[in-house]
Amino acid sequence: MHCETADCVLSLVARRGPDETICPSEVARAIHPVDWRDHLEDVRQATAKLAACGKVVVLQRGQVVDPVAAKGPIRIGLPRR
């Protein structure tokens, strides 16, 4: 996992708080402002690894989904405690 990407995911979701989510594009734009679209897959991969460790959850239409199997837009949030 690319540490900068994972750190950015964790930083942004923590800043957003437990009741809100972030879009993968926010992470990509924060790290790569010019060519962020080229890095969306990197963000999704880092997010999947963070989700596997229980550090984040991945959602579609407000429901937790498997980040590896998810197709289409996703949101990233903090796990509910």
N, C-alpha and C. Protein backbone atom coordinates (compact mmCIF):
# COMPACT_ATOMS: atom_id res chain seq x y z
N MET A 1 0.86 -1.17 0.00
CA MET A 1 0.00 0.00 0.00
C MET A 1 0.90 1.23 0.00
N HIS A 2 0.58 2.17 -0.83
CA HIS A 2 1.33 3.41 -0.88
C HIS A 2 1.00 4.22 0.37
N CYS A 3 2.00 4.44 1.21
CA CYS A 3 1.78 5.06 2.53
C CYS A 3 1.19 6.45 2.42
N GLU A 4 1.64 7.25 1.47
CA GLU A 4 1.11 8.61 1.33
C GLU A 4 -0.39 8.57 1.03
N THR A 5 -0.81 7.67 0.18
CA THR A 5 -2.22 7.56 -0.16
C THR A 5 -3.03 7.10 1.05
N ALA A 6 -2.57 6.08 1.72
CA ALA A 6 -3.28 5.58 2.91
C ALA A 6 -3.34 6.65 3.99
N ASP A 7 -2.24 7.35 4.21
CA ASP A 7 -2.22 8.41 5.22
C ASP A 7 -3.20 9.52 4.87
N CYS A 8 -3.28 9.85 3.59
CA CYS A 8 -4.21 10.90 3.15
C CYS A 8 -5.66 10.45 3.36
N VAL A 9 -5.97 9.20 3.02
CA VAL A 9 -7.32 8.67 3.26
C VAL A 9 -7.68 8.81 4.74
N LEU A 10 -6.80 8.34 5.60
CA LEU A 10 -7.06 8.38 7.04
C LEU A 10 -7.19 9.81 7.56
N SER A 11 -6.36 10.69 7.07
CA SER A 11 -6.41 12.08 7.49
C SER A 11 -7.72 12.74 7.08
N LEU A 12 -8.13 12.53 5.83
CA LEU A 12 -9.35 13.16 5.34
C LEU A 12 -10.60 12.61 6.02
N VAL A 13 -10.68 11.30 6.25
CA VAL A 13 -11.88 10.77 6.92
C VAL A 13 -11.91 11.21 8.38
N ALA A 14 -10.75 11.31 9.02
CA ALA A 14 -10.72 11.78 10.41
C ALA A 14 -11.17 13.24 10.49
N ARG A 15 -10.71 14.03 9.56
CA ARG A 15 -11.09 15.44 9.53
C ARG A 15 -12.59 15.61 9.25
N ARG A 16 -13.13 14.74 8.42
CA ARG A 16 -14.55 14.82 8.06
C ARG A 16 -15.43 14.40 9.22
N GLY A 17 -14.95 13.45 10.01
CA GLY A 17 -15.69 13.04 11.19
C GLY A 17 -16.46 11.75 11.01
N PRO A 18 -17.02 11.22 12.12
CA PRO A 18 -17.63 9.90 12.10
C PRO A 18 -18.96 9.81 11.35
N ASP A 19 -19.62 10.91 11.11
CA ASP A 19 -20.93 10.86 10.45
C ASP A 19 -20.90 11.27 8.99
N GLU A 20 -19.71 11.52 8.47
CA GLU A 20 -19.56 11.97 7.08
C GLU A 20 -18.60 11.05 6.34
N THR A 21 -18.60 11.17 5.02
CA THR A 21 -17.73 10.35 4.19
C THR A 21 -16.95 11.24 3.22
N ILE A 22 -15.96 10.64 2.59
CA ILE A 22 -15.20 11.33 1.56
C ILE A 22 -15.30 10.55 0.26
N CYS A 23 -15.00 11.23 -0.82
CA CYS A 23 -14.95 10.61 -2.14
C CYS A 23 -13.49 10.28 -2.46
N PRO A 24 -13.22 9.17 -3.11
CA PRO A 24 -11.84 8.87 -3.49
C PRO A 24 -11.17 9.99 -4.28
N SER A 25 -11.96 10.74 -5.04
CA SER A 25 -11.37 11.84 -5.82
C SER A 25 -10.79 12.92 -4.92
N GLU A 26 -11.33 13.09 -3.72
CA GLU A 26 -10.77 14.07 -2.79
C GLU A 26 -9.34 13.69 -2.40
N VAL A 27 -9.12 12.41 -2.20
CA VAL A 27 -7.79 11.92 -1.85
C VAL A 27 -6.85 12.11 -3.04
N ALA A 28 -7.28 11.68 -4.21
CA ALA A 28 -6.44 11.80 -5.40
C ALA A 28 -6.10 13.26 -5.69
N ARG A 29 -7.06 14.15 -5.54
CA ARG A 29 -6.81 15.58 -5.79
C ARG A 29 -5.85 16.16 -4.76
N ALA A 30 -5.93 15.71 -3.53
CA ALA A 30 -5.05 16.23 -2.48
C ALA A 30 -3.58 15.87 -2.75
N ILE A 31 -3.36 14.69 -3.33
CA ILE A 31 -2.00 14.22 -3.56
C ILE A 31 -1.49 14.61 -4.95
N HIS A 32 -2.38 14.54 -5.94
CA HIS A 32 -2.01 14.78 -7.34
C HIS A 32 -2.99 15.77 -7.96
N PRO A 33 -2.84 17.06 -7.66
CA PRO A 33 -3.83 18.04 -8.12
C PRO A 33 -4.01 18.12 -9.64
N VAL A 34 -2.99 17.85 -10.40
CA VAL A 34 -3.08 18.00 -11.85
C VAL A 34 -3.65 16.76 -12.53
N ASP A 35 -3.09 15.61 -12.23
CA ASP A 35 -3.48 14.38 -12.92
C ASP A 35 -4.18 13.41 -11.98
N TRP A 36 -5.05 13.92 -11.14
CA TRP A 36 -5.69 13.12 -10.09
C TRP A 36 -6.47 11.93 -10.62
N ARG A 37 -7.08 12.06 -11.78
CA ARG A 37 -7.88 10.94 -12.33
C ARG A 37 -7.02 9.70 -12.57
N ASP A 38 -5.75 9.93 -12.91
CA ASP A 38 -4.84 8.81 -13.16
C ASP A 38 -4.53 8.01 -11.89
N HIS A 39 -4.90 8.55 -10.73
CA HIS A 39 -4.54 7.92 -9.46
C HIS A 39 -5.74 7.38 -8.67
N LEU A 40 -6.91 7.41 -9.28
CA LEU A 40 -8.10 6.92 -8.57
C LEU A 40 -8.00 5.44 -8.21
N GLU A 41 -7.44 4.64 -9.08
CA GLU A 41 -7.31 3.21 -8.78
C GLU A 41 -6.36 3.00 -7.60
N ASP A 42 -5.30 3.80 -7.52
CA ASP A 42 -4.39 3.72 -6.36
C ASP A 42 -5.14 4.01 -5.07
N VAL A 43 -6.02 4.99 -5.11
CA VAL A 43 -6.81 5.34 -3.92
C VAL A 43 -7.74 4.20 -3.56
N ARG A 44 -8.39 3.62 -4.55
CA ARG A 44 -9.30 2.50 -4.27
C ARG A 44 -8.54 1.31 -3.68
N GLN A 45 -7.35 1.03 -4.19
CA GLN A 45 -6.56 -0.08 -3.67
C GLN A 45 -6.13 0.18 -2.23
N ALA A 46 -5.65 1.38 -1.95
CA ALA A 46 -5.25 1.72 -0.58
C ALA A 46 -6.45 1.66 0.36
N THR A 47 -7.59 2.12 -0.13
CA THR A 47 -8.81 2.10 0.67
C THR A 47 -9.24 0.67 0.97
N ALA A 48 -9.14 -0.22 0.00
CA ALA A 48 -9.50 -1.63 0.21
C ALA A 48 -8.62 -2.25 1.30
N LYS A 49 -7.34 -1.92 1.29
CA LYS A 49 -6.44 -2.47 2.32
C LYS A 49 -6.76 -1.88 3.69
N LEU A 50 -7.08 -0.59 3.74
CA LEU A 50 -7.47 0.02 5.01
C LEU A 50 -8.78 -0.58 5.53
N ALA A 51 -9.70 -0.87 4.62
CA ALA A 51 -10.98 -1.48 5.01
C ALA A 51 -10.76 -2.89 5.55
N ALA A 52 -9.85 -3.62 4.92
CA ALA A 52 -9.55 -4.98 5.38
C ALA A 52 -8.97 -4.98 6.80
N CYS A 53 -8.30 -3.89 7.17
CA CYS A 53 -7.74 -3.75 8.52
C CYS A 53 -8.74 -3.14 9.50
N GLY A 54 -9.92 -2.77 9.01
CA GLY A 54 -10.94 -2.19 9.87
C GLY A 54 -10.75 -0.71 10.17
N LYS A 55 -9.89 -0.04 9.42
CA LYS A 55 -9.63 1.38 9.67
C LYS A 55 -10.62 2.30 8.99
N VAL A 56 -11.22 1.84 7.89
CA VAL A 56 -12.26 2.61 7.18
C VAL A 56 -13.34 1.65 6.71
N VAL A 57 -14.46 2.19 6.30
CA VAL A 57 -15.49 1.42 5.63
C VAL A 57 -15.74 2.03 4.26
N VAL A 58 -16.18 1.20 3.34
CA VAL A 58 -16.50 1.64 1.99
C VAL A 58 -18.00 1.49 1.81
N LEU A 59 -18.62 2.54 1.29
CA LEU A 59 -20.07 2.56 1.16
C LEU A 59 -20.51 2.85 -0.27
N GLN A 60 -21.65 2.28 -0.62
CA GLN A 60 -22.38 2.62 -1.85
C GLN A 60 -23.83 2.77 -1.44
N ARG A 61 -24.41 3.89 -1.82
CA ARG A 61 -25.81 4.19 -1.47
C ARG A 61 -26.06 4.03 0.03
N GLY A 62 -25.05 4.40 0.84
CA GLY A 62 -25.19 4.37 2.28
C GLY A 62 -25.00 3.01 2.94
N GLN A 63 -24.72 1.99 2.15
CA GLN A 63 -24.54 0.64 2.67
C GLN A 63 -23.07 0.23 2.58
N VAL A 64 -22.57 -0.44 3.62
CA VAL A 64 -21.20 -0.94 3.59
C VAL A 64 -21.09 -2.03 2.54
N VAL A 65 -20.05 -1.93 1.71
CA VAL A 65 -19.82 -2.90 0.64
C VAL A 65 -18.37 -3.39 0.68
N ASP A 66 -18.14 -4.49 0.01
CA ASP A 66 -16.79 -5.01 -0.16
C ASP A 66 -16.07 -4.10 -1.16
N PRO A 67 -15.00 -3.44 -0.74
CA PRO A 67 -14.33 -2.49 -1.64
C PRO A 67 -13.71 -3.13 -2.87
N VAL A 68 -13.37 -4.39 -2.79
CA VAL A 68 -12.79 -5.08 -3.94
C VAL A 68 -13.86 -5.39 -4.98
N ALA A 69 -15.04 -5.76 -4.53
CA ALA A 69 -16.12 -6.13 -5.43
C ALA A 69 -16.94 -4.92 -5.90
N ALA A 70 -16.83 -3.81 -5.22
CA ALA A 70 -17.66 -2.64 -5.54
C ALA A 70 -17.35 -2.10 -6.93
N LYS A 71 -18.40 -1.87 -7.69
CA LYS A 71 -18.30 -1.26 -9.02
C LYS A 71 -19.02 0.07 -8.95
N GLY A 72 -18.45 1.06 -9.58
CA GLY A 72 -19.08 2.37 -9.59
C GLY A 72 -18.63 3.23 -8.43
N PRO A 73 -19.33 4.34 -8.21
CA PRO A 73 -18.92 5.30 -7.19
C PRO A 73 -18.97 4.72 -5.78
N ILE A 74 -17.96 5.07 -5.00
CA ILE A 74 -17.92 4.65 -3.59
C ILE A 74 -17.68 5.87 -2.72
N ARG A 75 -17.95 5.73 -1.46
CA ARG A 75 -17.62 6.74 -0.44
C ARG A 75 -16.79 6.02 0.63
N ILE A 76 -15.97 6.79 1.32
CA ILE A 76 -15.10 6.22 2.35
C ILE A 76 -15.40 6.93 3.67
N GLY A 77 -15.58 6.14 4.72
CA GLY A 77 -15.88 6.72 6.02
C GLY A 77 -15.19 5.96 7.14
N LEU A 78 -15.39 6.48 8.33
CA LEU A 78 -14.88 5.83 9.53
C LEU A 78 -15.83 4.71 9.94
N PRO A 79 -15.31 3.62 10.46
CA PRO A 79 -16.19 2.55 10.94
C PRO A 79 -16.98 3.02 12.14
N ARG A 80 -18.18 2.51 12.26
CA ARG A 80 -19.02 2.82 13.44
C ARG A 80 -18.49 2.07 14.63
N ARG A 81 -18.43 2.72 15.75
CA ARG A 81 -17.95 2.07 16.97
C ARG A 81 -19.10 1.66 17.84
